[in-house]
Amino acid sequence: MFKVIFMALSAIVNYLISDFLIKGVIFLSVYFLTSELLPVVIEMLVSRKLIPDLNALFGQLPESMWYFLNIFQIPMAISLMISAMISRFVRRMPFIG
């Protein structure tokens, strides 16, 4: 009787450790890479002038252009597209997808 209960508990614990713990560590590391490390890398690229200064580029737009950009919510669309590209990249990783 106790052997059956012990085997059932052992199977449950084995499943939890093999499935949830490993996937949790993988997803935590991917979350860390996308949320914490990516802004640091972008800041390093911007500080070395490898990526053009986007604020200066958008600062050259006239006010009439900004009016239409804000109506169509282009700044929000740009941030959504960047987030979608990052999540698509993460989803394509072989050990996650």
PDB file of N, CA and C in Angstrom:
ATOM      1  N   MET A   1       0.823  -1.195   0.000  1.00  0.00           N
ATOM      2  CA  MET A   1       0.000   0.000   0.000  1.00  0.00           C
ATOM      3  C   MET A   1       0.869   1.261   0.000  1.00  0.00           C
ATOM      4  N   PHE A   2       1.841   1.281   0.920  1.00  0.00           N
ATOM      5  CA  PHE A   2       2.700   2.462   1.001  1.00  0.00           C
ATOM      6  C   PHE A   2       3.617   2.573  -0.212  1.00  0.00           C
ATOM      7  N   LYS A   3       3.930   1.414  -0.794  1.00  0.00           N
ATOM      8  CA  LYS A   3       4.784   1.430  -1.970  1.00  0.00           C
ATOM      9  C   LYS A   3       4.067   2.097  -3.148  1.00  0.00           C
ATOM     10  N   VAL A   4       2.777   1.866  -3.298  1.00  0.00           N
ATOM     11  CA  VAL A   4       1.997   2.467  -4.378  1.00  0.00           C
ATOM     12  C   VAL A   4       1.904   3.980  -4.178  1.00  0.00           C
ATOM     13  N   ILE A   5       1.645   4.406  -2.946  1.00  0.00           N
ATOM     14  CA  ILE A   5       1.567   5.841  -2.646  1.00  0.00           C
ATOM     15  C   ILE A   5       2.927   6.498  -2.874  1.00  0.00           C
ATOM     16  N   PHE A   6       3.979   5.823  -2.439  1.00  0.00           N
ATOM     17  CA  PHE A   6       5.326   6.358  -2.629  1.00  0.00           C
ATOM     18  C   PHE A   6       5.663   6.472  -4.111  1.00  0.00           C
ATOM     19  N   MET A   7       5.294   5.472  -4.899  1.00  0.00           N
ATOM     20  CA  MET A   7       5.566   5.518  -6.337  1.00  0.00           C
ATOM     21  C   MET A   7       4.769   6.634  -7.017  1.00  0.00           C
ATOM     22  N   ALA A   8       3.528   6.843  -6.574  1.00  0.00           N
ATOM     23  CA  ALA A   8       2.713   7.913  -7.148  1.00  0.00           C
ATOM     24  C   ALA A   8       3.304   9.278  -6.809  1.00  0.00           C
ATOM     25  N   LEU A   9       3.686   9.469  -5.556  1.00  0.00           N
ATOM     26  CA  LEU A   9       4.307  10.736  -5.161  1.00  0.00           C
ATOM     27  C   LEU A   9       5.640  10.944  -5.866  1.00  0.00           C
ATOM     28  N   SER A  10       6.393   9.866  -6.033  1.00  0.00           N
ATOM     29  CA  SER A  10       7.669   9.959  -6.736  1.00  0.00           C
ATOM     30  C   SER A  10       7.460  10.361  -8.194  1.00  0.00           C
ATOM     31  N   ALA A  11       6.445   9.812  -8.828  1.00  0.00           N
ATOM     32  CA  ALA A  11       6.158  10.172 -10.220  1.00  0.00           C
ATOM     33  C   ALA A  11       5.733  11.632 -10.331  1.00  0.00           C
ATOM     34  N   ILE A  12       4.920  12.104  -9.386  1.00  0.00           N
ATOM     35  CA  ILE A  12       4.470  13.500  -9.409  1.00  0.00           C
ATOM     36  C   ILE A  12       5.647  14.448  -9.211  1.00  0.00           C
ATOM     37  N   VAL A  13       6.498  14.152  -8.231  1.00  0.00           N
ATOM     38  CA  VAL A  13       7.661  15.006  -7.966  1.00  0.00           C
ATOM     39  C   VAL A  13       8.620  14.977  -9.150  1.00  0.00           C
ATOM     40  N   ASN A  14       8.815  13.800  -9.726  1.00  0.00           N
ATOM     41  CA  ASN A  14       9.696  13.680 -10.891  1.00  0.00           C
ATOM     42  C   ASN A  14       9.161  14.505 -12.058  1.00  0.00           C
ATOM     43  N   TYR A  15       7.861  14.475 -12.281  1.00  0.00           N
ATOM     44  CA  TYR A  15       7.247  15.262 -13.355  1.00  0.00           C
ATOM     45  C   TYR A  15       7.406  16.755 -13.090  1.00  0.00           C
ATOM     46  N   LEU A  16       7.156  17.169 -11.852  1.00  0.00           N
ATOM     47  CA  LEU A  16       7.269  18.589 -11.526  1.00  0.00           C
ATOM     48  C   LEU A  16       8.688  19.091 -11.714  1.00  0.00           C
ATOM     49  N   ILE A  17       9.654  18.314 -11.278  1.00  0.00           N
ATOM     50  CA  ILE A  17      11.045  18.749 -11.396  1.00  0.00           C
ATOM     51  C   ILE A  17      11.486  18.746 -12.851  1.00  0.00           C
ATOM     52  N   SER A  18      11.145  17.688 -13.571  1.00  0.00           N
ATOM     53  CA  SER A  18      11.631  17.595 -14.949  1.00  0.00           C
ATOM     54  C   SER A  18      10.935  18.584 -15.870  1.00  0.00           C
ATOM     55  N   ASP A  19       9.686  18.883 -15.618  1.00  0.00           N
ATOM     56  CA  ASP A  19       8.947  19.741 -16.544  1.00  0.00           C
ATOM     57  C   ASP A  19       8.947  21.198 -16.095  1.00  0.00           C
ATOM     58  N   PHE A  20       8.419  21.468 -14.933  1.00  0.00           N
ATOM     59  CA  PHE A  20       8.237  22.849 -14.497  1.00  0.00           C
ATOM     60  C   PHE A  20       9.544  23.533 -14.122  1.00  0.00           C
ATOM     61  N   LEU A  21      10.416  22.846 -13.441  1.00  0.00           N
ATOM     62  CA  LEU A  21      11.648  23.479 -12.980  1.00  0.00           C
ATOM     63  C   LEU A  21      12.560  23.839 -14.151  1.00  0.00           C
ATOM     64  N   ILE A  22      12.734  22.912 -15.067  1.00  0.00           N
ATOM     65  CA  ILE A  22      13.625  23.167 -16.198  1.00  0.00           C
ATOM     66  C   ILE A  22      13.049  24.250 -17.102  1.00  0.00           C
ATOM     67  N   LYS A  23      11.753  24.166 -17.408  1.00  0.00           N
ATOM     68  CA  LYS A  23      11.142  25.201 -18.241  1.00  0.00           C
ATOM     69  C   LYS A  23      11.135  26.548 -17.528  1.00  0.00           C
ATOM     70  N   GLY A  24      10.961  26.542 -16.227  1.00  0.00           N
ATOM     71  CA  GLY A  24      10.998  27.791 -15.473  1.00  0.00           C
ATOM     72  C   GLY A  24      12.354  28.462 -15.558  1.00  0.00           C
ATOM     73  N   VAL A  25      13.410  27.675 -15.440  1.00  0.00           N
ATOM     74  CA  VAL A  25      14.761  28.231 -15.542  1.00  0.00           C
ATOM     75  C   VAL A  25      15.015  28.760 -16.952  1.00  0.00           C
ATOM     76  N   ILE A  26      14.570  28.028 -17.954  1.00  0.00           N
ATOM     77  CA  ILE A  26      14.772  28.473 -19.338  1.00  0.00           C
ATOM     78  C   ILE A  26      14.015  29.768 -19.603  1.00  0.00           C
ATOM     79  N   PHE A  27      12.742  29.826 -19.207  1.00  0.00           N
ATOM     80  CA  PHE A  27      11.962  31.033 -19.456  1.00  0.00           C
ATOM     81  C   PHE A  27      12.473  32.213 -18.640  1.00  0.00           C
ATOM     82  N   LEU A  28      12.953  31.960 -17.425  1.00  0.00           N
ATOM     83  CA  LEU A  28      13.520  33.039 -16.627  1.00  0.00           C
ATOM     84  C   LEU A  28      14.776  33.598 -17.289  1.00  0.00           C
ATOM     85  N   SER A  29      15.609  32.723 -17.835  1.00  0.00           N
ATOM     86  CA  SER A  29      16.815  33.210 -18.503  1.00  0.00           C
ATOM     87  C   SER A  29      16.474  33.972 -19.786  1.00  0.00           C
ATOM     88  N   VAL A  30      15.476  33.507 -20.536  1.00  0.00           N
ATOM     89  CA  VAL A  30      15.068  34.230 -21.745  1.00  0.00           C
ATOM     90  C   VAL A  30      14.455  35.575 -21.375  1.00  0.00           C
ATOM     91  N   TYR A  31      13.655  35.606 -20.309  1.00  0.00           N
ATOM     92  CA  TYR A  31      13.081  36.874 -19.850  1.00  0.00           C
ATOM     93  C   TYR A  31      14.188  37.844 -19.452  1.00  0.00           C
ATOM     94  N   PHE A  32      15.197  37.332 -18.752  1.00  0.00           N
ATOM     95  CA  PHE A  32      16.309  38.192 -18.355  1.00  0.00           C
ATOM     96  C   PHE A  32      17.029  38.736 -19.584  1.00  0.00           C
ATOM     97  N   LEU A  33      17.259  37.886 -20.580  1.00  0.00           N
ATOM     98  CA  LEU A  33      17.957  38.339 -21.779  1.00  0.00           C
ATOM     99  C   LEU A  33      17.176  39.411 -22.518  1.00  0.00           C
ATOM    100  N   THR A  34      15.857  39.234 -22.623  1.00  0.00           N
ATOM    101  CA  THR A  34      15.077  40.197 -23.400  1.00  0.00           C
ATOM    102  C   THR A  34      14.761  41.472 -22.635  1.00  0.00           C
ATOM    103  N   SER A  35      14.637  41.387 -21.320  1.00  0.00           N
ATOM    104  CA  SER A  35      14.218  42.579 -20.578  1.00  0.00           C
ATOM    105  C   SER A  35      15.373  43.336 -19.933  1.00  0.00           C
ATOM    106  N   GLU A  36      16.420  42.660 -19.564  1.00  0.00           N
ATOM    107  CA  GLU A  36      17.508  43.324 -18.844  1.00  0.00           C
ATOM    108  C   GLU A  36      18.763  43.505 -19.695  1.00  0.00           C
ATOM    109  N   LEU A  37      19.113  42.511 -20.458  1.00  0.00           N
ATOM    110  CA  LEU A  37      20.362  42.579 -21.205  1.00  0.00           C
ATOM    111  C   LEU A  37      20.217  43.341 -22.520  1.00  0.00           C
ATOM    112  N   LEU A  38      19.067  43.242 -23.154  1.00  0.00           N
ATOM    113  CA  LEU A  38      18.860  43.910 -24.436  1.00  0.00           C
ATOM    114  C   LEU A  38      18.971  45.432 -24.343  1.00  0.00           C
ATOM    115  N   PRO A  39      18.381  46.096 -23.337  1.00  0.00           N
ATOM    116  CA  PRO A  39      18.585  47.550 -23.236  1.00  0.00           C
ATOM    117  C   PRO A  39      20.047  47.950 -23.006  1.00  0.00           C
ATOM    118  N   VAL A  40      20.796  47.123 -22.306  1.00  0.00           N
ATOM    119  CA  VAL A  40      22.217  47.419 -22.084  1.00  0.00           C
ATOM    120  C   VAL A  40      22.977  47.341 -23.403  1.00  0.00           C
ATOM    121  N   VAL A  41      22.679  46.327 -24.202  1.00  0.00           N
ATOM    122  CA  VAL A  41      23.345  46.185 -25.501  1.00  0.00           C
ATOM    123  C   VAL A  41      22.969  47.337 -26.426  1.00  0.00           C
ATOM    124  N   ILE A  42      21.705  47.723 -26.431  1.00  0.00           N
ATOM    125  CA  ILE A  42      21.277  48.846 -27.272  1.00  0.00           C
ATOM    126  C   ILE A  42      21.961  50.133 -26.835  1.00  0.00           C
ATOM    127  N   GLU A  43      22.070  50.343 -25.531  1.00  0.00           N
ATOM    128  CA  GLU A  43      22.744  51.542 -25.029  1.00  0.00           C
ATOM    129  C   GLU A  43      24.216  51.551 -25.432  1.00  0.00           C
ATOM    130  N   MET A  44      24.867  50.385 -25.412  1.00  0.00           N
ATOM    131  CA  MET A  44      26.261  50.313 -25.838  1.00  0.00           C
ATOM    132  C   MET A  44      26.395  50.636 -27.323  1.00  0.00           C
ATOM    133  N   LEU A  45      25.466  50.145 -28.135  1.00  0.00           N
ATOM    134  CA  LEU A  45      25.528  50.424 -29.572  1.00  0.00           C
ATOM    135  C   LEU A  45      25.261  51.893 -29.867  1.00  0.00           C
ATOM    136  N   VAL A  46      24.328  52.502 -29.142  1.00  0.00           N
ATOM    137  CA  VAL A  46      24.023  53.916 -29.360  1.00  0.00           C
ATOM    138  C   VAL A  46      25.181  54.788 -28.897  1.00  0.00           C
ATOM    139  N   SER A  47      25.803  54.436 -27.779  1.00  0.00           N
ATOM    140  CA  SER A  47      26.901  55.260 -27.265  1.00  0.00           C
ATOM    141  C   SER A  47      28.123  55.204 -28.174  1.00  0.00           C
ATOM    142  N   ARG A  48      28.284  54.129 -28.913  1.00  0.00           N
ATOM    143  CA  ARG A  48      29.419  54.022 -29.836  1.00  0.00           C
ATOM    144  C   ARG A  48      29.074  54.521 -31.240  1.00  0.00           C
ATOM    145  N   LYS A  49      27.908  55.101 -31.396  1.00  0.00           N
ATOM    146  CA  LYS A  49      27.442  55.668 -32.668  1.00  0.00           C
ATOM    147  C   LYS A  49      27.301  54.611 -33.765  1.00  0.00           C
ATOM    148  N   LEU A  50      27.031  53.359 -33.372  1.00  0.00           N
ATOM    149  CA  LEU A  50      26.776  52.330 -34.370  1.00  0.00           C
ATOM    150  C   LEU A  50      25.339  52.390 -34.871  1.00  0.00           C
ATOM    151  N   ILE A  51      24.440  52.908 -34.038  1.00  0.00           N
ATOM    152  CA  ILE A  51      23.048  53.133 -34.426  1.00  0.00           C
ATOM    153  C   ILE A  51      22.842  54.640 -34.437  1.00  0.00           C
ATOM    154  N   PRO A  52      22.229  55.184 -35.484  1.00  0.00           N
ATOM    155  CA  PRO A  52      22.040  56.643 -35.521  1.00  0.00           C
ATOM    156  C   PRO A  52      21.136  57.115 -34.386  1.00  0.00           C
ATOM    157  N   ASP A  53      21.318  58.353 -34.011  1.00  0.00           N
ATOM    158  CA  ASP A  53      20.521  58.935 -32.935  1.00  0.00           C
ATOM    159  C   ASP A  53      19.101  59.172 -33.439  1.00  0.00           C
ATOM    160  N   LEU A  54      18.171  58.345 -32.997  1.00  0.00           N
ATOM    161  CA  LEU A  54      16.796  58.431 -33.488  1.00  0.00           C
ATOM    162  C   LEU A  54      16.100  59.690 -32.998  1.00  0.00           C
ATOM    163  N   ASN A  55      16.454  60.170 -31.819  1.00  0.00           N
ATOM    164  CA  ASN A  55      15.843  61.409 -31.332  1.00  0.00           C
ATOM    165  C   ASN A  55      16.194  62.587 -32.239  1.00  0.00           C
ATOM    166  N   ALA A  56      17.431  62.624 -32.700  1.00  0.00           N
ATOM    167  CA  ALA A  56      17.822  63.705 -33.605  1.00  0.00           C
ATOM    168  C   ALA A  56      17.114  63.577 -34.952  1.00  0.00           C
ATOM    169  N   LEU A  57      16.936  62.336 -35.409  1.00  0.00           N
ATOM    170  CA  LEU A  57      16.242  62.141 -36.685  1.00  0.00           C
ATOM    171  C   LEU A  57      14.779  62.548 -36.583  1.00  0.00           C
ATOM    172  N   PHE A  58      14.115  62.149 -35.500  1.00  0.00           N
ATOM    173  CA  PHE A  58      12.717  62.527 -35.328  1.00  0.00           C
ATOM    174  C   PHE A  58      12.578  64.004 -34.979  1.00  0.00           C
ATOM    175  N   GLY A  59      13.606  64.599 -34.412  1.00  0.00           N
ATOM    176  CA  GLY A  59      13.562  66.021 -34.097  1.00  0.00           C
ATOM    177  C   GLY A  59      13.569  66.904 -35.333  1.00  0.00           C
ATOM    178  N   GLN A  60      14.023  66.371 -36.442  1.00  0.00           N
ATOM    179  CA  GLN A  60      14.061  67.141 -37.681  1.00  0.00           C
ATOM    180  C   GLN A  60      12.717  67.161 -38.403  1.00  0.00           C
ATOM    181  N   LEU A  61      11.758  66.378 -37.934  1.00  0.00           N
ATOM    182  CA  LEU A  61      10.438  66.369 -38.577  1.00  0.00           C
ATOM    183  C   LEU A  61       9.682  67.649 -38.245  1.00  0.00           C
ATOM    184  N   PRO A  62       8.958  68.203 -39.204  1.00  0.00           N
ATOM    185  CA  PRO A  62       8.171  69.413 -38.914  1.00  0.00           C
ATOM    186  C   PRO A  62       6.953  69.085 -38.051  1.00  0.00           C
ATOM    187  N   GLU A  63       6.374  70.126 -37.464  1.00  0.00           N
ATOM    188  CA  GLU A  63       5.219  69.951 -36.572  1.00  0.00           C
ATOM    189  C   GLU A  63       4.014  69.362 -37.294  1.00  0.00           C
ATOM    190  N   SER A  64       3.831  69.726 -38.557  1.00  0.00           N
ATOM    191  CA  SER A  64       2.686  69.183 -39.301  1.00  0.00           C
ATOM    192  C   SER A  64       2.814  67.673 -39.481  1.00  0.00           C
ATOM    193  N   MET A  65       4.041  67.195 -39.652  1.00  0.00           N
ATOM    194  CA  MET A  65       4.252  65.753 -39.776  1.00  0.00           C
ATOM    195  C   MET A  65       4.000  65.067 -38.441  1.00  0.00           C
ATOM    196  N   TRP A  66       4.431  65.689 -37.327  1.00  0.00           N
ATOM    197  CA  TRP A  66       4.206  65.111 -36.003  1.00  0.00           C
ATOM    198  C   TRP A  66       2.720  65.011 -35.689  1.00  0.00           C
ATOM    199  N   TYR A  67       1.944  65.955 -36.182  1.00  0.00           N
ATOM    200  CA  TYR A  67       0.501  65.927 -35.958  1.00  0.00           C
ATOM    201  C   TYR A  67      -0.099  64.636 -36.515  1.00  0.00           C
ATOM    202  N   PHE A  68       0.244  64.307 -37.752  1.00  0.00           N
ATOM    203  CA  PHE A  68      -0.309  63.100 -38.361  1.00  0.00           C
ATOM    204  C   PHE A  68       0.298  61.829 -37.765  1.00  0.00           C
ATOM    205  N   LEU A  69       1.559  61.894 -37.377  1.00  0.00           N
ATOM    206  CA  LEU A  69       2.164  60.730 -36.724  1.00  0.00           C
ATOM    207  C   LEU A  69       1.474  60.425 -35.401  1.00  0.00           C
ATOM    208  N   ASN A  70       1.118  61.463 -34.659  1.00  0.00           N
ATOM    209  CA  ASN A  70       0.428  61.248 -33.391  1.00  0.00           C
ATOM    210  C   ASN A  70      -1.015  60.808 -33.587  1.00  0.00           C
ATOM    211  N   ILE A  71      -1.669  61.285 -34.637  1.00  0.00           N
ATOM    212  CA  ILE A  71      -3.041  60.832 -34.906  1.00  0.00           C
ATOM    213  C   ILE A  71      -3.050  59.329 -35.192  1.00  0.00           C
ATOM    214  N   PHE A  72      -2.117  58.872 -36.009  1.00  0.00           N
ATOM    215  CA  PHE A  72      -2.043  57.455 -36.349  1.00  0.00           C
ATOM    216  C   PHE A  72      -1.285  56.640 -35.305  1.00  0.00           C
ATOM    217  N   GLN A  73      -0.849  57.267 -34.224  1.00  0.00           N
ATOM    218  CA  GLN A  73      -0.137  56.645 -33.108  1.00  0.00           C
ATOM    219  C   GLN A  73       1.072  55.832 -33.581  1.00  0.00           C
ATOM    220  N   ILE A  74       1.872  56.455 -34.396  1.00  0.00           N
ATOM    221  CA  ILE A  74       3.069  55.820 -34.932  1.00  0.00           C
ATOM    222  C   ILE A  74       4.098  55.511 -33.836  1.00  0.00           C
ATOM    223  N   PRO A  75       4.315  56.385 -32.823  1.00  0.00           N
ATOM    224  CA  PRO A  75       5.277  56.009 -31.773  1.00  0.00           C
ATOM    225  C   PRO A  75       4.893  54.716 -31.044  1.00  0.00           C
ATOM    226  N   MET A  76       3.610  54.531 -30.771  1.00  0.00           N
ATOM    227  CA  MET A  76       3.173  53.294 -30.137  1.00  0.00           C
ATOM    228  C   MET A  76       3.340  52.113 -31.091  1.00  0.00           C
ATOM    229  N   ALA A  77       3.083  52.332 -32.367  1.00  0.00           N
ATOM    230  CA  ALA A  77       3.217  51.259 -33.351  1.00  0.00           C
ATOM    231  C   ALA A  77       4.667  50.804 -33.476  1.00  0.00           C
ATOM    232  N   ILE A  78       5.595  51.741 -33.399  1.00  0.00           N
ATOM    233  CA  ILE A  78       7.011  51.378 -33.489  1.00  0.00           C
ATOM    234  C   ILE A  78       7.411  50.524 -32.298  1.00  0.00           C
ATOM    235  N   SER A  79       6.990  50.907 -31.092  1.00  0.00           N
ATOM    236  CA  SER A  79       7.337  50.104 -29.918  1.00  0.00           C
ATOM    237  C   SER A  79       6.667  48.735 -29.962  1.00  0.00           C
ATOM    238  N   LEU A  80       5.438  48.657 -30.481  1.00  0.00           N
ATOM    239  CA  LEU A  80       4.769  47.364 -30.613  1.00  0.00           C
ATOM    240  C   LEU A  80       5.471  46.475 -31.638  1.00  0.00           C
ATOM    241  N   MET A  81       5.948  47.060 -32.724  1.00  0.00           N
ATOM    242  CA  MET A  81       6.653  46.260 -33.732  1.00  0.00           C
ATOM    243  C   MET A  81       7.970  45.724 -33.188  1.00  0.00           C
ATOM    244  N   ILE A  82       8.682  46.534 -32.424  1.00  0.00           N
ATOM    245  CA  ILE A  82       9.943  46.068 -31.844  1.00  0.00           C
ATOM    246  C   ILE A  82       9.680  44.945 -30.849  1.00  0.00           C
ATOM    247  N   SER A  83       8.650  45.088 -30.016  1.00  0.00           N
ATOM    248  CA  SER A  83       8.305  44.026 -29.072  1.00  0.00           C
ATOM    249  C   SER A  83       7.888  42.752 -29.793  1.00  0.00           C
ATOM    250  N   ALA A  84       7.148  42.889 -30.881  1.00  0.00           N
ATOM    251  CA  ALA A  84       6.727  41.714 -31.649  1.00  0.00           C
ATOM    252  C   ALA A  84       7.920  41.014 -32.283  1.00  0.00           C
ATOM    253  N   MET A  85       8.887  41.787 -32.765  1.00  0.00           N
ATOM    254  CA  MET A  85      10.075  41.172 -33.353  1.00  0.00           C
ATOM    255  C   MET A  85      10.877  40.411 -32.308  1.00  0.00           C
ATOM    256  N   ILE A  86      10.994  40.982 -31.111  1.00  0.00           N
ATOM    257  CA  ILE A  86      11.740  40.309 -30.049  1.00  0.00           C
ATOM    258  C   ILE A  86      11.026  39.036 -29.623  1.00  0.00           C
ATOM    259  N   SER A  87       9.701  39.099 -29.464  1.00  0.00           N
ATOM    260  CA  SER A  87       8.977  37.893 -29.050  1.00  0.00           C
ATOM    261  C   SER A  87       8.986  36.840 -30.157  1.00  0.00           C
ATOM    262  N   ARG A  88       8.982  37.253 -31.419  1.00  0.00           N
ATOM    263  CA  ARG A  88       9.083  36.288 -32.511  1.00  0.00           C
ATOM    264  C   ARG A  88      10.447  35.621 -32.503  1.00  0.00           C
ATOM    265  N   PHE A  89      11.489  36.393 -32.198  1.00  0.00           N
ATOM    266  CA  PHE A  89      12.828  35.822 -32.096  1.00  0.00           C
ATOM    267  C   PHE A  89      12.893  34.806 -30.967  1.00  0.00           C
ATOM    268  N   VAL A  90      12.306  35.138 -29.831  1.00  0.00           N
ATOM    269  CA  VAL A  90      12.332  34.228 -28.687  1.00  0.00           C
ATOM    270  C   VAL A  90      11.534  32.970 -29.003  1.00  0.00           C
ATOM    271  N   ARG A  91      10.416  33.113 -29.691  1.00  0.00           N
ATOM    272  CA  ARG A  91       9.579  31.963 -30.008  1.00  0.00           C
ATOM    273  C   ARG A  91      10.275  31.017 -30.982  1.00  0.00           C
ATOM    274  N   ARG A  92      11.168  31.522 -31.805  1.00  0.00           N
ATOM    275  CA  ARG A  92      11.855  30.696 -32.799  1.00  0.00           C
ATOM    276  C   ARG A  92      13.050  29.938 -32.217  1.00  0.00           C
ATOM    277  N   MET A  93      13.391  30.175 -30.978  1.00  0.00           N
ATOM    278  CA  MET A  93      14.505  29.453 -30.375  1.00  0.00           C
ATOM    279  C   MET A  93      14.133  27.974 -30.256  1.00  0.00           C
ATOM    280  N   PRO A  94      15.051  27.078 -30.618  1.00  0.00           N
ATOM    281  CA  PRO A  94      14.677  25.663 -30.683  1.00  0.00           C
ATOM    282  C   PRO A  94      14.334  25.032 -29.338  1.00  0.00           C
ATOM    283  N   PHE A  95      14.945  25.460 -28.255  1.00  0.00           N
ATOM    284  CA  PHE A  95      14.669  24.809 -26.976  1.00  0.00           C
ATOM    285  C   PHE A  95      13.440  25.367 -26.290  1.00  0.00           C
ATOM    286  N   ILE A  96      12.812  26.407 -26.853  1.00  0.00           N
ATOM    287  CA  ILE A  96      11.596  26.966 -26.262  1.00  0.00           C
ATOM    288  C   ILE A  96      10.377  26.608 -27.093  1.00  0.00           C
ATOM    289  N   GLY A  97      10.470  26.800 -28.406  1.00  0.00           N
ATOM    290  CA  GLY A  97       9.322  26.617 -29.281  1.00  0.00           C
ATOM    291  C   GLY A  97       8.870  25.196 -29.347  1.00  0.00           C
TER     292      GLY A  97
END
